[in-house]
């Protein structure tokens, strides 16, 4: 089935249903971006450091 790209409010998906299925797969971690798993604490620490650096500028 070919999906019309121009004028399709759900693009790049063919329909809202397909969009929600894909979003659900990401939320269930069925799709993953390769790389090391980083703890939430590490992410927050790095963001805090970046914020402090911006304040100093």
PDB file of N, CA and C in Angstrom:
ATOM      1  N   UNK A   1       0.830  -1.174   0.000  1.00  0.00           N
ATOM      2  CA  UNK A   1       0.000   0.000   0.000  1.00  0.00           C
ATOM      3  C   UNK A   1       0.880   1.244   0.000  1.00  0.00           C
ATOM      4  N   UNK A   2       0.657   2.120  -0.916  1.00  0.00           N
ATOM      5  CA  UNK A   2       1.418   3.363  -1.000  1.00  0.00           C
ATOM      6  C   UNK A   2       0.689   4.440  -0.197  1.00  0.00           C
ATOM      7  N   UNK A   3       1.450   5.162   0.622  1.00  0.00           N
ATOM      8  CA  UNK A   3       0.876   6.218   1.437  1.00  0.00           C
ATOM      9  C   UNK A   3       1.212   7.578   0.850  1.00  0.00           C
ATOM     10  N   UNK A   4       0.222   8.413   0.737  1.00  0.00           N
ATOM     11  CA  UNK A   4       0.426   9.773   0.247  1.00  0.00           C
ATOM     12  C   UNK A   4       1.218  10.552   1.296  1.00  0.00           C
ATOM     13  N   UNK A   5       2.336  11.145   0.862  1.00  0.00           N
ATOM     14  CA  UNK A   5       3.186  11.870   1.799  1.00  0.00           C
ATOM     15  C   UNK A   5       2.702  13.313   1.971  1.00  0.00           C
ATOM     16  N   UNK A   6       2.451  14.006   0.877  1.00  0.00           N
ATOM     17  CA  UNK A   6       2.030  15.389   0.963  1.00  0.00           C
ATOM     18  C   UNK A   6       0.563  15.459   1.378  1.00  0.00           C
ATOM     19  N   UNK A   7       0.301  16.299   2.352  1.00  0.00           N
ATOM     20  CA  UNK A   7      -1.064  16.445   2.839  1.00  0.00           C
ATOM     21  C   UNK A   7      -1.459  15.396   3.863  1.00  0.00           C
ATOM     22  N   UNK A   8      -0.558  14.502   4.208  1.00  0.00           N
ATOM     23  CA  UNK A   8      -0.848  13.463   5.195  1.00  0.00           C
ATOM     24  C   UNK A   8      -0.493  13.998   6.581  1.00  0.00           C
ATOM     25  N   UNK A   9      -1.492  14.241   7.413  1.00  0.00           N
ATOM     26  CA  UNK A   9      -1.244  14.814   8.729  1.00  0.00           C
ATOM     27  C   UNK A   9      -0.483  13.864   9.666  1.00  0.00           C
ATOM     28  N   UNK A  10      -0.376  12.609   9.310  1.00  0.00           N
ATOM     29  CA  UNK A  10       0.301  11.635  10.166  1.00  0.00           C
ATOM     30  C   UNK A  10       1.707  11.296   9.699  1.00  0.00           C
ATOM     31  N   UNK A  11       2.171  11.948   8.630  1.00  0.00           N
ATOM     32  CA  UNK A  11       3.477  11.611   8.092  1.00  0.00           C
ATOM     33  C   UNK A  11       4.545  11.709   9.151  1.00  0.00           C
ATOM     34  N   UNK A  12       5.529  10.921   9.194  1.00  0.00           N
ATOM     35  CA  UNK A  12       5.909   9.962   8.165  1.00  0.00           C
ATOM     36  C   UNK A  12       5.154   8.633   8.260  1.00  0.00           C
ATOM     37  N   UNK A  13       4.116   8.595   9.077  1.00  0.00           N
ATOM     38  CA  UNK A  13       3.318   7.375   9.217  1.00  0.00           C
ATOM     39  C   UNK A  13       2.134   7.419   8.270  1.00  0.00           C
ATOM     40  N   UNK A  14       1.552   6.260   8.001  1.00  0.00           N
ATOM     41  CA  UNK A  14       0.413   6.221   7.084  1.00  0.00           C
ATOM     42  C   UNK A  14      -0.880   6.608   7.783  1.00  0.00           C
ATOM     43  N   UNK A  15      -0.916   6.439   9.113  1.00  0.00           N
ATOM     44  CA  UNK A  15      -2.149   6.733   9.840  1.00  0.00           C
ATOM     45  C   UNK A  15      -1.829   6.996  11.306  1.00  0.00           C
ATOM     46  N   UNK A  16      -2.821   7.474  12.045  1.00  0.00           N
ATOM     47  CA  UNK A  16      -2.632   7.695  13.476  1.00  0.00           C
ATOM     48  C   UNK A  16      -2.362   6.362  14.177  1.00  0.00           C
ATOM     49  N   UNK A  17      -3.038   5.312  13.726  1.00  0.00           N
ATOM     50  CA  UNK A  17      -2.837   3.987  14.317  1.00  0.00           C
ATOM     51  C   UNK A  17      -1.373   3.561  14.221  1.00  0.00           C
ATOM     52  N   UNK A  18      -0.776   3.699  13.053  1.00  0.00           N
ATOM     53  CA  UNK A  18       0.632   3.323  12.873  1.00  0.00           C
ATOM     54  C   UNK A  18       1.543   4.195  13.724  1.00  0.00           C
ATOM     55  N   UNK A  19       1.210   5.471  13.832  1.00  0.00           N
ATOM     56  CA  UNK A  19       1.995   6.388  14.655  1.00  0.00           C
ATOM     57  C   UNK A  19       1.972   5.931  16.115  1.00  0.00           C
ATOM     58  N   UNK A  20       0.787   5.571  16.611  1.00  0.00           N
ATOM     59  CA  UNK A  20       0.661   5.150  18.008  1.00  0.00           C
ATOM     60  C   UNK A  20       1.330   3.808  18.267  1.00  0.00           C
ATOM     61  N   UNK A  21       1.274   2.913  17.300  1.00  0.00           N
ATOM     62  CA  UNK A  21       1.963   1.626  17.436  1.00  0.00           C
ATOM     63  C   UNK A  21       3.465   1.850  17.555  1.00  0.00           C
ATOM     64  N   UNK A  22       4.014   2.732  16.725  1.00  0.00           N
ATOM     65  CA  UNK A  22       5.445   3.019  16.765  1.00  0.00           C
ATOM     66  C   UNK A  22       5.829   3.683  18.086  1.00  0.00           C
ATOM     67  N   UNK A  23       5.048   4.648  18.533  1.00  0.00           N
ATOM     68  CA  UNK A  23       5.315   5.305  19.805  1.00  0.00           C
ATOM     69  C   UNK A  23       5.295   4.298  20.947  1.00  0.00           C
ATOM     70  N   UNK A  24       4.337   3.392  20.918  1.00  0.00           N
ATOM     71  CA  UNK A  24       4.254   2.356  21.944  1.00  0.00           C
ATOM     72  C   UNK A  24       5.476   1.452  21.953  1.00  0.00           C
ATOM     73  N   UNK A  25       5.985   1.126  20.784  1.00  0.00           N
ATOM     74  CA  UNK A  25       7.182   0.283  20.691  1.00  0.00           C
ATOM     75  C   UNK A  25       8.386   0.988  21.316  1.00  0.00           C
ATOM     76  N   UNK A  26       8.521   2.302  21.066  1.00  0.00           N
ATOM     77  CA  UNK A  26       9.616   3.053  21.700  1.00  0.00           C
ATOM     78  C   UNK A  26       9.426   3.085  23.217  1.00  0.00           C
ATOM     79  N   UNK A  27       8.191   3.323  23.670  1.00  0.00           N
ATOM     80  CA  UNK A  27       7.913   3.395  25.108  1.00  0.00           C
ATOM     81  C   UNK A  27       8.186   2.062  25.793  1.00  0.00           C
ATOM     82  N   UNK A  28       7.947   0.959  25.099  1.00  0.00           N
ATOM     83  CA  UNK A  28       8.207  -0.374  25.656  1.00  0.00           C
ATOM     84  C   UNK A  28       9.660  -0.810  25.491  1.00  0.00           C
ATOM     85  N   UNK A  29      10.480   0.099  24.952  1.00  0.00           N
ATOM     86  CA  UNK A  29      11.902  -0.150  24.709  1.00  0.00           C
ATOM     87  C   UNK A  29      12.148  -1.312  23.751  1.00  0.00           C
ATOM     88  N   UNK A  30      11.222  -1.492  22.781  1.00  0.00           N
ATOM     89  CA  UNK A  30      11.433  -2.491  21.746  1.00  0.00           C
ATOM     90  C   UNK A  30      12.466  -1.998  20.748  1.00  0.00           C
ATOM     91  N   UNK A  31      12.562  -0.679  20.619  1.00  0.00           N
ATOM     92  CA  UNK A  31      13.582  -0.059  19.777  1.00  0.00           C
ATOM     93  C   UNK A  31      14.616   0.561  20.705  1.00  0.00           C
ATOM     94  N   UNK A  32      15.873   0.461  20.331  1.00  0.00           N
ATOM     95  CA  UNK A  32      16.924   1.052  21.148  1.00  0.00           C
ATOM     96  C   UNK A  32      17.990   1.654  20.260  1.00  0.00           C
ATOM     97  N   UNK A  33      18.550   2.734  20.730  1.00  0.00           N
ATOM     98  CA  UNK A  33      19.667   3.357  20.038  1.00  0.00           C
ATOM     99  C   UNK A  33      20.930   2.747  20.624  1.00  0.00           C
ATOM    100  N   UNK A  34      21.823   2.191  19.782  1.00  0.00           N
ATOM    101  CA  UNK A  34      23.023   1.529  20.296  1.00  0.00           C
ATOM    102  C   UNK A  34      23.890   2.480  21.116  1.00  0.00           C
ATOM    103  N   UNK A  35      24.489   1.927  22.138  1.00  0.00           N
ATOM    104  CA  UNK A  35      25.403   2.701  22.970  1.00  0.00           C
ATOM    105  C   UNK A  35      25.370   2.194  24.397  1.00  0.00           C
ATOM    106  N   UNK A  36      26.215   2.798  25.206  1.00  0.00           N
ATOM    107  CA  UNK A  36      26.267   2.405  26.611  1.00  0.00           C
ATOM    108  C   UNK A  36      25.019   2.907  27.332  1.00  0.00           C
ATOM    109  N   UNK A  37      24.532   2.098  28.246  1.00  0.00           N
ATOM    110  CA  UNK A  37      23.408   2.526  29.061  1.00  0.00           C
ATOM    111  C   UNK A  37      23.952   3.505  30.102  1.00  0.00           C
ATOM    112  N   UNK A  38      23.299   4.648  30.228  1.00  0.00           N
ATOM    113  CA  UNK A  38      23.743   5.686  31.146  1.00  0.00           C
ATOM    114  C   UNK A  38      22.689   5.827  32.236  1.00  0.00           C
ATOM    115  N   UNK A  39      23.149   5.903  33.485  1.00  0.00           N
ATOM    116  CA  UNK A  39      22.207   6.033  34.590  1.00  0.00           C
ATOM    117  C   UNK A  39      21.570   7.417  34.589  1.00  0.00           C
ATOM    118  N   UNK A  40      20.395   7.490  35.135  1.00  0.00           N
ATOM    119  CA  UNK A  40      19.687   8.757  35.230  1.00  0.00           C
ATOM    120  C   UNK A  40      20.487   9.757  36.058  1.00  0.00           C
ATOM    121  N   UNK A  41      21.145   9.260  37.103  1.00  0.00           N
ATOM    122  CA  UNK A  41      21.965  10.128  37.955  1.00  0.00           C
ATOM    123  C   UNK A  41      23.096  10.770  37.157  1.00  0.00           C
ATOM    124  N   UNK A  42      23.722   9.999  36.295  1.00  0.00           N
ATOM    125  CA  UNK A  42      24.825  10.513  35.474  1.00  0.00           C
ATOM    126  C   UNK A  42      24.318  11.594  34.520  1.00  0.00           C
ATOM    127  N   UNK A  43      23.167  11.365  33.918  1.00  0.00           N
ATOM    128  CA  UNK A  43      22.594  12.347  33.001  1.00  0.00           C
ATOM    129  C   UNK A  43      22.303  13.648  33.742  1.00  0.00           C
ATOM    130  N   UNK A  44      21.687  13.540  34.927  1.00  0.00           N
ATOM    131  CA  UNK A  44      21.367  14.730  35.711  1.00  0.00           C
ATOM    132  C   UNK A  44      22.633  15.469  36.144  1.00  0.00           C
ATOM    133  N   UNK A  45      23.668  14.724  36.502  1.00  0.00           N
ATOM    134  CA  UNK A  45      24.941  15.327  36.890  1.00  0.00           C
ATOM    135  C   UNK A  45      25.542  16.114  35.724  1.00  0.00           C
ATOM    136  N   UNK A  46      25.543  15.518  34.546  1.00  0.00           N
ATOM    137  CA  UNK A  46      26.096  16.192  33.367  1.00  0.00           C
ATOM    138  C   UNK A  46      25.286  17.431  32.998  1.00  0.00           C
ATOM    139  N   UNK A  47      23.962  17.347  33.098  1.00  0.00           N
ATOM    140  CA  UNK A  47      23.128  18.499  32.799  1.00  0.00           C
ATOM    141  C   UNK A  47      23.373  19.628  33.798  1.00  0.00           C
ATOM    142  N   UNK A  48      23.527  19.276  35.068  1.00  0.00           N
ATOM    143  CA  UNK A  48      23.804  20.283  36.092  1.00  0.00           C
ATOM    144  C   UNK A  48      25.123  20.992  35.807  1.00  0.00           C
ATOM    145  N   UNK A  49      26.121  20.230  35.390  1.00  0.00           N
ATOM    146  CA  UNK A  49      27.420  20.817  35.055  1.00  0.00           C
ATOM    147  C   UNK A  49      27.288  21.767  33.871  1.00  0.00           C
ATOM    148  N   UNK A  50      26.516  21.369  32.862  1.00  0.00           N
ATOM    149  CA  UNK A  50      26.326  22.223  31.689  1.00  0.00           C
ATOM    150  C   UNK A  50      25.591  23.512  32.058  1.00  0.00           C
ATOM    151  N   UNK A  51      24.620  23.413  32.954  1.00  0.00           N
ATOM    152  CA  UNK A  51      23.883  24.602  33.393  1.00  0.00           C
ATOM    153  C   UNK A  51      24.820  25.549  34.129  1.00  0.00           C
ATOM    154  N   UNK A  52      25.659  25.007  34.990  1.00  0.00           N
ATOM    155  CA  UNK A  52      26.614  25.834  35.719  1.00  0.00           C
ATOM    156  C   UNK A  52      27.589  26.524  34.773  1.00  0.00           C
ATOM    157  N   UNK A  53      28.042  25.796  33.759  1.00  0.00           N
ATOM    158  CA  UNK A  53      28.941  26.381  32.772  1.00  0.00           C
ATOM    159  C   UNK A  53      28.266  27.544  32.030  1.00  0.00           C
ATOM    160  N   UNK A  54      26.983  27.384  31.713  1.00  0.00           N
ATOM    161  CA  UNK A  54      26.255  28.438  31.015  1.00  0.00           C
ATOM    162  C   UNK A  54      26.077  29.656  31.898  1.00  0.00           C
ATOM    163  N   UNK A  55      25.897  29.452  33.191  1.00  0.00           N
ATOM    164  CA  UNK A  55      25.719  30.564  34.129  1.00  0.00           C
ATOM    165  C   UNK A  55      27.006  31.386  34.230  1.00  0.00           C
ATOM    166  N   UNK A  56      28.132  30.718  34.085  1.00  0.00           N
ATOM    167  CA  UNK A  56      29.428  31.382  34.202  1.00  0.00           C
ATOM    168  C   UNK A  56      29.759  32.211  32.976  1.00  0.00           C
ATOM    169  N   UNK A  57      29.119  31.959  31.857  1.00  0.00           N
ATOM    170  CA  UNK A  57      29.412  32.687  30.612  1.00  0.00           C
ATOM    171  C   UNK A  57      28.854  34.080  30.610  1.00  0.00           C
TER     172      UNK A  57
END
